[in-house]
């Protein structure tokens, strides 16, 4: 027998997008339920595992609408849809203010322009996993408490299995909870906020790489794309499913828990070069770590790639991140090959020595001549400058692509309403966070800031529902 419960708003997912939407809707007088498949007060989700930094394309969210809109456009090379770009730039500062008013504590990383809004307390500057009691964890638990104080609810251990779609309108969901089937009727709207599909190997294989098992899950590994799948069955459009947010990690991440999610190895790949199992470059290192992680995932063998660099890079950019590879990768037991010659280094990573030498000679010559754009695989100089690989000893780190969340998903409008293929609105259905597309990704794999996107469109969804 199916039980029935009635609410004004039913929200799928208890991350930052879902809890922002839930609390804002409850604040505006609506009766809300959040359905979360996880268990316990610290149920796992990417928001809880995150670094807790609110930014837009590595810009301070106080820079103003015009500057933020321009930053979004530049980061995505025009891919971000104009209406979403404008809504994001306009509403992000207000979303931060709302979180602060809810009780979120922030700190500032003074030396960084974009790390001015960081959930407190911050994670330790050490390798490995560190989320319990940190800012994102504290913020999510606070938002759950706030929701309950407002007379609304969160139902844990509850997995939504289908959207209820009647007469062209989404009117609720069916869910499994405690062995029972429950129909949650939504008098106003359903909000999908269950994250990306990065942990669904079938969807990842269909859209990102033929070898999903060779990607390291860098987040909570809970994003299965259920909301995306269910919405598509009732006619929702999807956009930009081929890109993800992630970082370069040590290949040892598959066997050594201490080397992920930090240190990330982006600085080594960006300042040096990436080579495949044949000793050849295959990606433009100047486009940054998120881009490179995607290129590794798309390569013929995502577990045959290495970052190659020299002593100047290891002692310079290698120490540049907040949790730098040098010395943290070594301290955590990660593999770092070191040799006085490139021929010896090639033997350590089992690539042809002649091919590796030729790749680096060609690369260094092009940099010296200012012709990096003419390389067989062009090397851009912005936003990340190139470094010659010329100062022994030489280094190689076996890498893998760490996938955190998928950048594409359901097509939405500026008010977070889910759209059909023809651009029309599916009445009663909204989406926010990593389950949506149209902002991040594109040919440049532009990264804009997942937490900020989630909070902003969670807020906008709730306010539009309440109108």
Protein backbone atom coordinates (compact mmCIF):
# COMPACT_ATOMS: atom_id res chain seq x y z
CA UNK A 1 0.00 0.00 0.00
CA UNK A 2 1.31 3.45 -0.94
CA UNK A 3 1.31 6.07 1.79
CA UNK A 4 0.64 9.69 0.87
CA UNK A 5 2.04 12.87 2.37
CA UNK A 6 1.23 16.41 1.23
CA UNK A 7 3.56 19.41 1.16
CA UNK A 8 3.77 22.70 -0.67
CA UNK A 9 7.29 21.96 -1.90
CA UNK A 10 9.12 18.63 -2.22
CA UNK A 11 12.90 18.88 -2.59
CA UNK A 12 15.07 15.99 -3.75
CA UNK A 13 18.52 16.17 -2.14
CA UNK A 14 19.95 17.64 1.05
CA UNK A 15 23.08 19.39 -0.18
CA UNK A 16 23.62 23.15 -0.24
CA UNK A 17 21.21 23.64 -3.18
CA UNK A 18 18.40 21.63 -1.61
CA UNK A 19 18.75 23.07 1.89
CA UNK A 20 19.01 26.64 0.61
CA UNK A 21 15.83 26.16 -1.45
CA UNK A 22 14.09 24.45 1.46
CA UNK A 23 14.87 27.07 4.08
CA UNK A 24 14.12 30.00 1.82
CA UNK A 25 10.77 28.46 0.82
CA UNK A 26 9.91 27.76 4.47
CA UNK A 27 10.98 31.28 5.37
CA UNK A 28 8.44 32.52 2.81
CA UNK A 29 5.63 30.56 4.42
CA UNK A 30 5.63 27.29 2.51
CA UNK A 31 5.55 23.82 4.05
CA UNK A 32 8.57 21.92 2.77
CA UNK A 33 10.06 18.44 2.90
CA UNK A 34 13.59 17.51 1.84
CA UNK A 35 14.01 13.91 0.72
CA UNK A 36 17.58 12.71 1.24
CA UNK A 37 18.75 9.18 0.47
CA UNK A 38 21.67 9.43 2.91
CA UNK A 39 21.65 8.31 6.54
CA UNK A 40 22.41 10.06 9.82
CA UNK A 41 22.98 13.72 10.70
CA UNK A 42 26.20 13.80 8.66
CA UNK A 43 24.85 12.02 5.58
CA UNK A 44 27.39 12.05 2.78
CA UNK A 45 27.12 14.50 -0.09
CA UNK A 46 29.51 16.57 -2.18
CA UNK A 47 28.56 19.79 -0.40
CA UNK A 48 29.76 18.32 2.89
CA UNK A 49 33.05 17.15 1.33
CA UNK A 50 33.74 20.45 -0.43
CA UNK A 51 36.43 23.01 0.33
CA UNK A 52 33.68 25.48 1.21
CA UNK A 53 34.84 28.37 -0.99
CA UNK A 54 32.15 30.63 -2.49
CA UNK A 55 33.39 32.33 -5.65
CA UNK A 56 32.47 32.87 -9.28
CA UNK A 57 35.16 31.86 -11.78
CA UNK A 58 37.83 32.58 -9.14
CA UNK A 59 36.47 36.10 -8.60
CA UNK A 60 35.21 37.69 -5.39
CA UNK A 61 31.42 37.70 -5.47
CA UNK A 62 31.45 41.39 -4.40
CA UNK A 63 32.99 42.57 -7.66
CA UNK A 64 29.63 43.61 -9.11
CA UNK A 65 27.23 42.29 -11.75
CA UNK A 66 29.15 43.54 -14.78
CA UNK A 67 32.53 42.23 -13.64
CA UNK A 68 31.14 38.86 -12.60
CA UNK A 69 29.17 38.47 -15.81
CA UNK A 70 32.33 39.23 -17.78
CA UNK A 71 34.29 36.70 -15.70
CA UNK A 72 31.69 34.01 -16.41
CA UNK A 73 31.76 34.80 -20.11
CA UNK A 74 35.56 34.69 -20.22
CA UNK A 75 35.88 31.47 -18.22
CA UNK A 76 33.43 29.65 -20.49
CA UNK A 77 34.44 31.45 -23.71
CA UNK A 78 30.85 32.55 -24.24
CA UNK A 79 29.31 29.13 -23.53
CA UNK A 80 27.30 30.14 -20.44
CA UNK A 81 23.73 30.98 -21.41
CA UNK A 82 23.15 34.75 -21.11
CA UNK A 83 20.04 34.54 -18.93
CA UNK A 84 21.70 32.13 -16.50
CA UNK A 85 24.90 34.16 -16.50
CA UNK A 86 23.02 37.34 -15.60
CA UNK A 87 20.96 35.65 -12.89
CA UNK A 88 24.07 34.08 -11.36
CA UNK A 89 26.05 37.31 -11.32
CA UNK A 90 23.14 39.32 -9.89
CA UNK A 91 21.98 36.91 -7.19
CA UNK A 92 25.21 35.33 -5.91
CA UNK A 93 26.03 38.17 -3.47
CA UNK A 94 22.51 38.01 -2.07
CA UNK A 95 22.83 34.24 -1.64
CA UNK A 96 25.98 34.74 0.42
CA UNK A 97 24.22 37.37 2.54
CA UNK A 98 21.31 34.98 3.06
CA UNK A 99 23.64 32.17 4.18
CA UNK A 100 25.34 34.56 6.59
CA UNK A 101 21.98 35.60 8.00
CA UNK A 102 21.11 31.92 8.47
CA UNK A 103 24.16 31.61 10.71
CA UNK A 104 26.93 30.52 8.36
CA UNK A 105 30.35 31.64 9.54
CA UNK A 106 32.93 32.77 6.99
CA UNK A 107 36.64 33.42 7.02
CA UNK A 108 38.84 35.19 4.48
CA UNK A 109 42.09 33.96 3.00
CA UNK A 110 43.73 37.36 2.85
CA UNK A 111 46.29 36.65 0.14
CA UNK A 112 43.69 35.34 -2.29
CA UNK A 113 41.26 37.52 -4.23
CA UNK A 114 38.75 34.71 -4.75
CA UNK A 115 38.93 33.04 -1.33
CA UNK A 116 37.18 35.82 0.57
CA UNK A 117 34.09 33.78 1.47
CA UNK A 118 35.16 30.46 2.96
CA UNK A 119 32.92 28.41 5.25
CA UNK A 120 34.41 28.32 8.74
CA UNK A 121 36.13 26.51 10.24
CA UNK A 122 38.26 25.69 7.18
CA UNK A 123 39.76 22.31 6.43
CA UNK A 124 43.29 21.57 7.63
CA UNK A 125 46.12 22.39 5.23
CA UNK A 126 47.15 18.77 5.02
CA UNK A 127 46.79 15.91 2.52
CA UNK A 128 43.94 13.45 2.63
CA UNK A 129 40.29 13.76 3.64
CA UNK A 130 39.18 16.27 6.28
CA UNK A 131 35.50 17.25 6.43
CA UNK A 132 33.99 16.35 9.80
CA UNK A 133 33.37 19.49 11.83
CA UNK A 134 34.61 21.72 9.02
CA UNK A 135 32.69 24.65 7.57
CA UNK A 136 30.56 22.86 4.96
CA UNK A 137 29.60 20.12 7.44
CA UNK A 138 28.72 22.70 10.09
CA UNK A 139 26.71 24.76 7.60
CA UNK A 140 24.64 21.82 6.36
CA UNK A 141 23.78 20.68 9.88
CA UNK A 142 22.82 24.25 10.78
CA UNK A 143 20.53 24.52 7.75
CA UNK A 144 18.83 21.24 8.69
CA UNK A 145 18.23 22.59 12.20
CA UNK A 146 16.88 25.86 10.78
CA UNK A 147 14.49 23.96 8.53
CA UNK A 148 13.08 21.99 11.45
CA UNK A 149 12.66 25.17 13.50
CA UNK A 150 10.57 26.57 10.66
CA UNK A 151 8.16 23.66 10.91
CA UNK A 152 9.38 21.83 7.82
CA UNK A 153 11.11 18.47 7.58
CA UNK A 154 13.94 16.41 6.16
CA UNK A 155 13.31 12.70 5.60
CA UNK A 156 16.54 10.67 5.58
CA UNK A 157 17.00 7.20 4.09
CA UNK A 158 14.46 8.20 1.45
CA UNK A 159 15.23 7.67 -2.23
CA UNK A 160 12.99 9.18 -4.86
CA UNK A 161 12.17 6.72 -7.62
CA UNK A 162 9.84 8.68 -9.93
CA UNK A 163 8.33 12.08 -10.60
CA UNK A 164 4.54 12.30 -10.67
CA UNK A 165 3.51 14.08 -13.87
CA UNK A 166 -0.16 14.83 -14.43
CA UNK A 167 -1.74 16.97 -17.14
CA UNK A 168 1.57 18.54 -18.09
CA UNK A 169 2.51 19.42 -14.51
CA UNK A 170 4.86 17.84 -11.95
CA UNK A 171 2.70 17.25 -8.89
CA UNK A 172 4.92 15.19 -6.63
CA UNK A 173 7.25 12.22 -6.34
CA UNK A 174 7.21 8.55 -5.44
CA UNK A 175 9.87 7.43 -3.00
CA UNK A 176 11.09 4.37 -1.12
CA UNK A 177 11.55 4.81 2.61
CA UNK A 178 11.93 2.11 5.25
CA UNK A 179 10.71 -0.55 2.86
CA UNK A 180 7.52 1.36 2.09
CA UNK A 181 6.47 3.31 -0.98
CA UNK A 182 5.46 6.89 -0.21
CA UNK A 183 3.87 9.39 -2.56
CA UNK A 184 4.83 12.94 -1.66
CA UNK A 185 2.35 15.34 -3.21
CA UNK A 186 3.73 18.80 -4.04
CA UNK A 187 1.00 21.44 -4.07
CA UNK A 188 3.39 24.07 -5.45
CA UNK A 189 6.51 22.45 -6.88
CA UNK A 190 9.17 19.76 -6.88
CA UNK A 191 12.82 20.87 -6.78
CA UNK A 192 15.51 18.49 -8.03
CA UNK A 193 18.76 19.14 -6.15
CA UNK A 194 20.38 15.72 -5.97
CA UNK A 195 23.74 16.63 -7.52
CA UNK A 196 25.47 15.41 -10.63
CA UNK A 197 25.80 11.94 -12.15
CA UNK A 198 29.54 11.46 -11.58
CA UNK A 199 29.03 8.20 -9.66
CA UNK A 200 26.81 6.58 -12.30
CA UNK A 201 29.20 4.57 -14.51
CA UNK A 202 26.65 4.07 -17.26
CA UNK A 203 25.94 7.78 -17.62
CA UNK A 204 29.63 8.68 -17.35
CA UNK A 205 30.44 6.10 -20.01
CA UNK A 206 27.74 7.50 -22.27
CA UNK A 207 28.83 11.12 -21.96
CA UNK A 208 32.41 11.56 -20.69
CA UNK A 209 34.68 8.53 -21.07
CA UNK A 210 34.41 4.95 -22.22
CA UNK A 211 36.41 3.94 -19.14
CA UNK A 212 34.61 5.38 -16.07
CA UNK A 213 36.32 2.85 -13.82
CA UNK A 214 39.60 4.68 -14.50
CA UNK A 215 38.36 7.93 -12.95
CA UNK A 216 38.82 8.50 -9.23
CA UNK A 217 35.70 9.66 -7.39
CA UNK A 218 37.02 12.79 -5.68
CA UNK A 219 33.82 13.64 -3.79
CA UNK A 220 31.25 11.73 -1.77
CA UNK A 221 30.48 9.33 -4.67
CA UNK A 222 26.74 9.74 -4.09
CA UNK A 223 25.73 11.53 -7.30
CA UNK A 224 23.87 8.99 -9.43
CA UNK A 225 21.90 11.34 -11.67
CA UNK A 226 18.52 10.08 -10.44
CA UNK A 227 16.90 13.50 -10.82
CA UNK A 228 18.31 13.94 -14.31
CA UNK A 229 17.07 10.52 -15.36
CA UNK A 230 13.57 10.98 -13.90
CA UNK A 231 13.12 14.44 -15.38
CA UNK A 232 14.17 13.26 -18.82
CA UNK A 233 11.47 10.59 -18.72
CA UNK A 234 8.84 13.34 -18.53
CA UNK A 235 10.34 15.39 -21.35
CA UNK A 236 13.03 17.55 -19.72
CA UNK A 237 15.94 18.72 -21.84
CA UNK A 238 19.56 18.17 -20.85
CA UNK A 239 22.55 20.29 -21.79
CA UNK A 240 26.33 19.99 -21.63
CA UNK A 241 26.67 16.49 -20.21
CA UNK A 242 30.23 15.91 -21.46
CA UNK A 243 32.25 17.91 -18.89
CA UNK A 244 33.03 17.61 -15.20
CA UNK A 245 34.68 19.56 -12.42
CA UNK A 246 37.68 17.75 -11.03
CA UNK A 247 41.44 17.85 -10.57
CA UNK A 248 44.58 15.95 -11.38
CA UNK A 249 45.39 13.47 -8.62
CA UNK A 250 48.14 11.01 -7.90
CA UNK A 251 47.34 7.65 -9.49
CA UNK A 252 47.98 6.23 -6.03
CA UNK A 253 44.58 7.66 -5.03
CA UNK A 254 43.07 4.30 -5.98
CA UNK A 255 45.04 2.57 -3.23
CA UNK A 256 46.20 5.31 -0.85
CA UNK A 257 43.48 7.29 0.96
CA UNK A 258 46.02 9.89 2.10
CA UNK A 259 46.64 11.37 -1.36
CA UNK A 260 43.09 12.49 -2.16
CA UNK A 261 41.17 14.77 -2.42
CA UNK A 262 44.32 16.75 -1.62
CA UNK A 263 46.97 17.41 -2.68
CA UNK A 264 45.67 18.05 -6.16
CA UNK A 265 48.41 18.02 -8.78
CA UNK A 266 47.10 20.72 -11.09
CA UNK A 267 50.09 23.00 -10.54
CA UNK A 268 52.49 20.30 -11.69
CA UNK A 269 50.52 19.52 -14.83
CA UNK A 270 49.93 23.16 -15.69
CA UNK A 271 53.52 24.32 -15.16
CA UNK A 272 55.00 21.20 -16.73
CA UNK A 273 53.50 18.93 -19.36
CA UNK A 274 51.24 15.89 -19.46
CA UNK A 275 52.28 12.88 -21.52
CA UNK A 276 50.48 9.68 -22.41
CA UNK A 277 51.85 6.13 -22.43
CA UNK A 278 53.71 6.87 -25.65
CA UNK A 279 55.53 9.85 -24.13
CA UNK A 280 53.52 12.37 -26.18
CA UNK A 281 51.70 15.52 -25.11
CA UNK A 282 47.93 15.34 -25.63
CA UNK A 283 46.42 18.46 -24.01
CA UNK A 284 46.93 22.22 -23.72
CA UNK A 285 48.36 22.61 -20.22
CA UNK A 286 47.76 26.37 -20.24
CA UNK A 287 44.00 25.90 -19.88
CA UNK A 288 44.27 24.77 -16.27
CA UNK A 289 43.79 21.78 -14.04
CA UNK A 290 40.05 21.27 -14.52
CA UNK A 291 40.54 21.23 -18.29
CA UNK A 292 43.45 18.79 -17.96
CA UNK A 293 41.48 16.42 -15.75
CA UNK A 294 38.83 16.24 -18.48
CA UNK A 295 41.49 15.63 -21.13
CA UNK A 296 43.00 12.80 -19.09
CA UNK A 297 39.53 11.25 -18.78
CA UNK A 298 39.07 11.45 -22.55
CA UNK A 299 42.50 10.01 -23.38
CA UNK A 300 42.97 6.53 -24.81
CA UNK A 301 44.06 5.24 -21.39
CA UNK A 302 43.31 7.56 -18.44
CA UNK A 303 45.67 5.53 -16.24
CA UNK A 304 48.69 5.80 -18.53
CA UNK A 305 49.28 9.55 -18.13
CA UNK A 306 52.06 11.32 -16.23
CA UNK A 307 52.95 14.88 -15.29
CA UNK A 308 56.55 15.68 -16.33
CA UNK A 309 58.45 18.63 -14.82
CA UNK A 310 61.84 19.70 -13.56
CA UNK A 311 63.44 20.91 -10.35
CA UNK A 312 62.54 24.56 -11.03
CA UNK A 313 58.84 23.63 -11.29
CA UNK A 314 58.94 21.26 -8.31
CA UNK A 315 60.53 23.95 -6.13
CA UNK A 316 58.42 26.78 -7.59
CA UNK A 317 54.82 26.16 -8.77
CA UNK A 318 54.94 22.79 -7.00
CA UNK A 319 54.86 24.68 -3.71
CA UNK A 320 52.24 27.21 -4.81
CA UNK A 321 48.87 25.71 -3.86
CA UNK A 322 47.25 25.98 -0.42
CA UNK A 323 47.97 22.26 0.02
CA UNK A 324 50.90 21.94 -2.39
CA UNK A 325 52.17 18.75 -3.97
CA UNK A 326 55.63 19.62 -2.70
CA UNK A 327 56.06 18.35 -0.02
CA UNK A 328 52.58 16.95 0.76
CA UNK A 329 52.46 14.29 -1.95
CA UNK A 330 55.73 12.83 -0.71
CA UNK A 331 54.61 13.03 2.93
CA UNK A 332 51.41 11.16 2.06
CA UNK A 333 53.32 8.35 0.38
CA UNK A 334 52.50 9.29 -3.21
CA UNK A 335 54.75 8.23 -6.08
CA UNK A 336 57.22 10.85 -7.30
CA UNK A 337 59.87 9.62 -9.75
CA UNK A 338 63.14 11.59 -9.83
CA UNK A 339 66.05 11.20 -12.24
CA UNK A 340 69.08 13.14 -13.43
CA UNK A 341 68.30 12.41 -17.07
CA UNK A 342 65.16 12.18 -19.15
CA UNK A 343 66.22 8.77 -20.42
CA UNK A 344 66.33 7.41 -16.87
CA UNK A 345 63.01 9.06 -16.08
CA UNK A 346 61.40 7.47 -19.14
CA UNK A 347 62.46 4.05 -17.89
CA UNK A 348 60.86 4.68 -14.52
CA UNK A 349 57.46 5.38 -16.11
CA UNK A 350 57.79 2.84 -18.94
CA UNK A 351 57.54 5.24 -21.87
CA UNK A 352 59.89 5.27 -24.91
CA UNK A 353 62.94 7.34 -23.94
CA UNK A 354 63.46 8.70 -27.45
CA UNK A 355 59.83 9.84 -27.69
CA UNK A 356 59.90 11.57 -24.30
CA UNK A 357 63.17 13.34 -25.15
CA UNK A 358 61.75 14.49 -28.50
CA UNK A 359 58.54 15.72 -26.89
CA UNK A 360 60.41 17.84 -24.35
CA UNK A 361 62.98 19.13 -26.85
CA UNK A 362 60.20 20.24 -29.20
CA UNK A 363 58.32 21.83 -26.31
CA UNK A 364 61.32 23.74 -24.96
CA UNK A 365 62.31 24.96 -28.43
CA UNK A 366 58.80 26.27 -29.11
CA UNK A 367 58.71 28.12 -25.78
CA UNK A 368 62.09 29.71 -26.39
CA UNK A 369 61.02 30.87 -29.85
CA UNK A 370 57.64 32.13 -28.62
CA UNK A 371 55.88 29.67 -30.92
CA UNK A 372 54.03 27.50 -28.39
CA UNK A 373 50.78 27.96 -30.33
CA UNK A 374 52.39 26.15 -33.29
CA UNK A 375 53.13 22.96 -31.40
CA UNK A 376 51.30 19.84 -32.69
CA UNK A 377 49.23 20.15 -29.52
CA UNK A 378 49.18 23.94 -29.03
CA UNK A 379 50.17 25.34 -25.66
CA UNK A 380 48.34 28.56 -24.74
CA UNK A 381 50.02 31.08 -22.43
CA UNK A 382 46.89 32.35 -20.69
CA UNK A 383 45.67 32.04 -18.06
CA UNK A 384 48.67 29.87 -17.10
CA UNK A 385 52.21 30.62 -18.22
CA UNK A 386 54.48 27.85 -19.46
CA UNK A 387 57.84 26.78 -18.01
CA UNK A 388 60.67 25.07 -19.87
CA UNK A 389 61.61 21.62 -18.61
CA UNK A 390 65.38 22.07 -18.49
CA UNK A 391 66.70 22.01 -14.92
CA UNK A 392 67.73 18.60 -13.56
CA UNK A 393 66.73 16.57 -11.73
CA UNK A 394 63.63 15.74 -13.74
CA UNK A 395 60.40 14.43 -12.23
CA UNK A 396 57.43 12.33 -13.25
CA UNK A 397 54.24 11.75 -11.28
CA UNK A 398 51.75 9.10 -12.46
CA UNK A 399 48.37 10.82 -12.44
CA UNK A 400 44.67 10.13 -12.76
CA UNK A 401 41.59 12.28 -13.26
CA UNK A 402 39.69 12.97 -10.05
CA UNK A 403 36.01 13.63 -10.83
CA UNK A 404 34.10 15.72 -8.27
CA UNK A 405 30.83 16.64 -10.01
CA UNK A 406 29.44 16.75 -13.51
CA UNK A 407 28.98 20.21 -15.01
CA UNK A 408 26.02 19.51 -17.28
CA UNK A 409 22.49 18.48 -16.54
CA UNK A 410 18.91 19.64 -16.77
CA UNK A 411 18.14 22.72 -18.83
CA UNK A 412 16.71 25.49 -16.63
CA UNK A 413 15.71 29.12 -17.00
CA UNK A 414 16.89 32.00 -14.81
CA UNK A 415 14.29 31.10 -12.15
CA UNK A 416 15.52 27.47 -12.07
CA UNK A 417 12.41 26.11 -13.84
CA UNK A 418 13.14 22.93 -15.79
CA UNK A 419 12.72 23.23 -19.55
CA UNK A 420 11.63 20.89 -22.33
CA UNK A 421 13.55 20.48 -25.59
CA UNK A 422 11.42 23.19 -27.20
CA UNK A 423 12.28 25.66 -24.42
CA UNK A 424 8.89 25.54 -22.74
CA UNK A 425 8.62 25.19 -18.96
CA UNK A 426 7.59 21.95 -17.24
CA UNK A 427 5.10 23.37 -14.77
CA UNK A 428 5.84 22.59 -11.13
CA UNK A 429 9.40 21.33 -11.71
CA UNK A 430 12.56 23.20 -10.69
CA UNK A 431 16.22 22.21 -10.42
CA UNK A 432 19.31 23.69 -8.76
CA UNK A 433 22.96 22.81 -8.28
CA UNK A 434 25.06 20.19 -10.04
CA UNK A 435 22.04 18.46 -11.60
CA UNK A 436 21.66 21.47 -13.95
CA UNK A 437 23.50 22.58 -17.07
CA UNK A 438 23.96 25.65 -19.21
CA UNK A 439 26.47 27.58 -17.10
CA UNK A 440 29.65 25.56 -16.64
CA UNK A 441 31.47 23.41 -19.17
CA UNK A 442 31.51 23.93 -22.91
CA UNK A 443 34.55 23.57 -25.19
CA UNK A 444 36.79 25.33 -22.67
CA UNK A 445 35.37 23.29 -19.76
CA UNK A 446 34.79 26.52 -17.87
CA UNK A 447 34.55 26.15 -14.10
CA UNK A 448 32.54 28.78 -12.20
CA UNK A 449 32.12 27.46 -8.64
CA UNK A 450 29.74 24.66 -7.77
CA UNK A 451 28.79 25.72 -4.24
CA UNK A 452 28.00 29.26 -5.31
CA UNK A 453 25.92 28.04 -8.25
CA UNK A 454 24.02 25.67 -5.97
CA UNK A 455 23.18 28.25 -3.32
CA UNK A 456 22.26 30.94 -5.85
CA UNK A 457 19.81 28.88 -7.88
CA UNK A 458 18.43 27.17 -4.79
CA UNK A 459 17.53 30.64 -3.54
CA UNK A 460 16.05 31.74 -6.86
CA UNK A 461 13.98 28.55 -7.15
CA UNK A 462 12.42 29.03 -3.72
CA UNK A 463 11.58 32.66 -4.33
CA UNK A 464 9.96 31.96 -7.67
CA UNK A 465 7.90 29.11 -6.22
CA UNK A 466 6.68 31.39 -3.44
CA UNK A 467 5.45 34.11 -5.81
